[in-house]
């Protein structure tokens, strides 16, 4: 069973009245704009870096606010991005990481409650946005360290030389990003 089908089944058990649209195709430059155009707020549940940049770019071009969070090992981070009103993902993380610097998927793992906490914080941010409350995460990156049980908020400003939202952008359309999850153990 595909992950999206399994998730739908589990969510329907919790709330049979919920409306769930399934997208079984991978999020890509070919379908990104069609998928996000239906929604007022985009909440990132992605599991790889290239797709995060693609989502950032699609949301920027569509002028869609989105809430981005990630988790790896014992750490999590979350930010709220409002195109034209806050730094974008590329302002915070200027260049996609080189594949060689990204650990293999099986090497690092993630402490299960960390993505759960990040998802909960994303839901809180979305509720605040829906009811018209401002967010400290607009222009800020909240980082969580589960080992130290510590939260740290780092503030960011729009990068004037950002490739997509800067004063002289070099990105004018969605690009293609590829990601191969390489297991370094198999390369030895």
Protein backbone atom coordinates (compact mmCIF):
# COMPACT_ATOMS: atom_id res chain seq x y z
CA UNK A 1 0.00 0.00 0.00
CA UNK A 2 1.29 3.46 -0.85
CA UNK A 3 2.08 5.82 2.05
CA UNK A 4 -0.64 8.28 0.98
CA UNK A 5 -3.26 5.50 0.97
CA UNK A 6 -2.12 4.23 4.36
CA UNK A 7 -2.24 7.77 5.78
CA UNK A 8 -5.74 8.33 4.40
CA UNK A 9 -6.93 5.07 5.92
CA UNK A 10 -5.49 5.96 9.33
CA UNK A 11 -6.91 9.51 9.26
CA UNK A 12 -10.37 8.26 8.22
CA UNK A 13 -10.38 6.01 11.30
CA UNK A 14 -9.81 9.08 13.46
CA UNK A 15 -12.29 11.29 11.61
CA UNK A 16 -14.49 9.68 8.93
CA UNK A 17 -15.82 13.13 7.92
CA UNK A 18 -12.42 14.50 6.86
CA UNK A 19 -11.90 15.34 3.19
CA UNK A 20 -8.59 13.99 1.88
CA UNK A 21 -7.23 14.42 -1.63
CA UNK A 22 -4.53 11.95 -2.58
CA UNK A 23 -1.62 12.79 -4.85
CA UNK A 24 0.18 9.61 -5.78
CA UNK A 25 2.60 11.20 -8.24
CA UNK A 26 5.83 12.67 -6.91
CA UNK A 27 5.77 16.45 -6.38
CA UNK A 28 7.58 17.86 -9.41
CA UNK A 29 7.98 21.01 -11.45
CA UNK A 30 5.39 19.59 -13.85
CA UNK A 31 2.63 19.30 -11.23
CA UNK A 32 3.67 21.69 -8.43
CA UNK A 33 1.64 24.71 -9.52
CA UNK A 34 -1.48 22.63 -10.23
CA UNK A 35 -1.33 21.02 -6.79
CA UNK A 36 -0.77 24.15 -4.70
CA UNK A 37 -3.20 26.43 -6.57
CA UNK A 38 -6.17 24.81 -4.78
CA UNK A 39 -4.98 25.71 -1.27
CA UNK A 40 -4.75 28.92 0.78
CA UNK A 41 -1.92 27.71 3.03
CA UNK A 42 0.72 25.13 2.17
CA UNK A 43 2.13 22.98 4.98
CA UNK A 44 5.37 21.18 4.13
CA UNK A 45 5.61 17.50 5.00
CA UNK A 46 8.49 16.80 2.64
CA UNK A 47 11.35 14.44 3.30
CA UNK A 48 14.13 15.72 1.04
CA UNK A 49 15.97 18.96 0.34
CA UNK A 50 15.49 19.36 -3.42
CA UNK A 51 11.71 19.16 -3.07
CA UNK A 52 11.82 21.81 -0.33
CA UNK A 53 13.47 24.22 -2.78
CA UNK A 54 10.90 23.32 -5.43
CA UNK A 55 8.03 23.95 -2.99
CA UNK A 56 9.58 27.26 -1.93
CA UNK A 57 9.84 28.36 -5.54
CA UNK A 58 6.30 27.23 -6.43
CA UNK A 59 4.85 29.02 -3.39
CA UNK A 60 6.80 32.16 -4.26
CA UNK A 61 5.52 32.22 -7.85
CA UNK A 62 1.95 31.40 -6.74
CA UNK A 63 2.16 33.86 -3.81
CA UNK A 64 1.08 31.12 -1.40
CA UNK A 65 2.11 31.27 2.26
CA UNK A 66 3.66 28.11 3.53
CA UNK A 67 4.83 26.61 6.75
CA UNK A 68 8.04 24.64 6.43
CA UNK A 69 9.42 22.20 8.97
CA UNK A 70 11.98 19.45 9.00
CA UNK A 71 13.49 16.90 11.34
CA UNK A 72 16.68 14.88 11.36
CA UNK A 73 18.10 12.79 14.16
CA UNK A 74 17.33 14.69 17.41
CA UNK A 75 16.72 18.07 15.80
CA UNK A 76 13.85 19.94 14.20
CA UNK A 77 13.22 23.32 12.66
CA UNK A 78 10.21 25.31 11.53
CA UNK A 79 9.55 28.64 9.79
CA UNK A 80 6.58 30.44 8.25
CA UNK A 81 7.18 31.88 4.80
CA UNK A 82 4.95 34.59 3.34
CA UNK A 83 6.03 35.48 -0.23
CA UNK A 84 6.75 39.19 -0.47
CA UNK A 85 6.53 39.65 3.32
CA UNK A 86 9.22 37.41 4.79
CA UNK A 87 12.47 35.72 3.85
CA UNK A 88 11.96 32.65 1.67
CA UNK A 89 13.54 29.23 2.17
CA UNK A 90 16.39 30.22 -0.17
CA UNK A 91 17.09 33.34 1.93
CA UNK A 92 17.66 31.11 4.95
CA UNK A 93 19.31 28.17 3.14
CA UNK A 94 20.94 29.85 0.16
CA UNK A 95 22.25 26.87 -1.77
CA UNK A 96 20.88 23.36 -2.00
CA UNK A 97 23.28 21.08 -0.18
CA UNK A 98 25.60 19.09 -2.32
CA UNK A 99 24.51 15.46 -2.47
CA UNK A 100 27.85 14.36 -1.05
CA UNK A 101 27.22 16.38 2.13
CA UNK A 102 23.78 14.84 2.74
CA UNK A 103 23.99 11.67 4.83
CA UNK A 104 22.35 8.58 3.41
CA UNK A 105 18.73 8.05 4.46
CA UNK A 106 19.59 4.93 6.45
CA UNK A 107 22.58 6.52 8.21
CA UNK A 108 21.04 9.23 10.39
CA UNK A 109 17.41 8.39 11.11
CA UNK A 110 15.11 10.53 13.23
CA UNK A 111 13.79 10.32 16.77
CA UNK A 112 10.08 9.63 16.18
CA UNK A 113 8.60 12.34 18.41
CA UNK A 114 10.65 15.10 16.73
CA UNK A 115 8.70 15.13 13.43
CA UNK A 116 5.52 14.78 15.48
CA UNK A 117 6.41 17.92 17.42
CA UNK A 118 7.32 19.78 14.22
CA UNK A 119 3.99 18.75 12.67
CA UNK A 120 2.13 19.95 15.76
CA UNK A 121 3.92 23.32 15.55
CA UNK A 122 3.02 23.52 11.84
CA UNK A 123 -0.64 22.95 12.72
CA UNK A 124 -0.50 25.70 15.36
CA UNK A 125 1.06 28.10 12.82
CA UNK A 126 -1.66 27.25 10.26
CA UNK A 127 -4.43 27.88 12.82
CA UNK A 128 -2.86 31.21 13.75
CA UNK A 129 -2.70 32.15 10.08
CA UNK A 130 -6.36 31.17 9.48
CA UNK A 131 -7.60 33.28 12.41
CA UNK A 132 -5.43 36.26 11.41
CA UNK A 133 -2.77 36.15 14.12
CA UNK A 134 0.75 37.22 13.24
CA UNK A 135 3.58 34.75 13.72
CA UNK A 136 7.02 35.19 15.24
CA UNK A 137 8.10 32.48 12.82
CA UNK A 138 7.54 34.82 9.86
CA UNK A 139 11.16 35.87 9.45
CA UNK A 140 12.33 33.46 12.09
CA UNK A 141 13.57 29.88 12.22
CA UNK A 142 12.66 27.99 15.38
CA UNK A 143 15.16 25.23 16.03
CA UNK A 144 14.53 22.36 18.44
CA UNK A 145 17.18 20.20 20.08
CA UNK A 146 15.58 17.13 21.67
CA UNK A 147 18.83 16.11 23.38
CA UNK A 148 18.97 19.36 25.34
CA UNK A 149 15.20 19.97 25.35
CA UNK A 150 15.98 23.41 23.97
CA UNK A 151 14.26 25.78 21.55
CA UNK A 152 16.14 28.60 19.84
CA UNK A 153 14.59 31.25 17.57
CA UNK A 154 16.92 32.76 14.97
CA UNK A 155 15.64 35.81 13.07
CA UNK A 156 16.30 36.28 9.36
CA UNK A 157 15.80 39.12 6.93
CA UNK A 158 15.10 38.82 3.23
CA UNK A 159 18.38 38.28 1.39
CA UNK A 160 18.64 41.05 -1.22
CA UNK A 161 20.77 38.74 -3.37
CA UNK A 162 18.40 35.76 -3.04
CA UNK A 163 18.11 33.86 -6.33
CA UNK A 164 14.30 33.98 -6.27
CA UNK A 165 13.04 36.84 -4.08
CA UNK A 166 16.07 39.14 -4.13
CA UNK A 167 16.40 42.49 -5.86
CA UNK A 168 17.80 40.89 -9.06
CA UNK A 169 16.47 37.31 -9.11
CA UNK A 170 18.10 34.72 -11.35
CA UNK A 171 15.28 32.16 -10.99
CA UNK A 172 12.21 32.98 -13.08
CA UNK A 173 10.56 29.58 -13.39
CA UNK A 174 10.46 26.26 -11.59
CA UNK A 175 13.60 24.19 -11.95
CA UNK A 176 14.18 20.48 -11.80
CA UNK A 177 15.79 19.16 -8.68
CA UNK A 178 16.82 15.56 -8.33
CA UNK A 179 17.66 13.69 -5.20
CA UNK A 180 19.13 10.26 -4.89
CA UNK A 181 19.18 8.75 -1.44
CA UNK A 182 22.57 7.15 -1.45
CA UNK A 183 23.51 4.58 1.14
CA UNK A 184 27.22 5.10 1.81
CA UNK A 185 27.43 1.60 3.33
CA UNK A 186 26.70 0.11 -0.10
CA UNK A 187 29.51 2.17 -1.66
CA UNK A 188 32.21 0.77 0.61
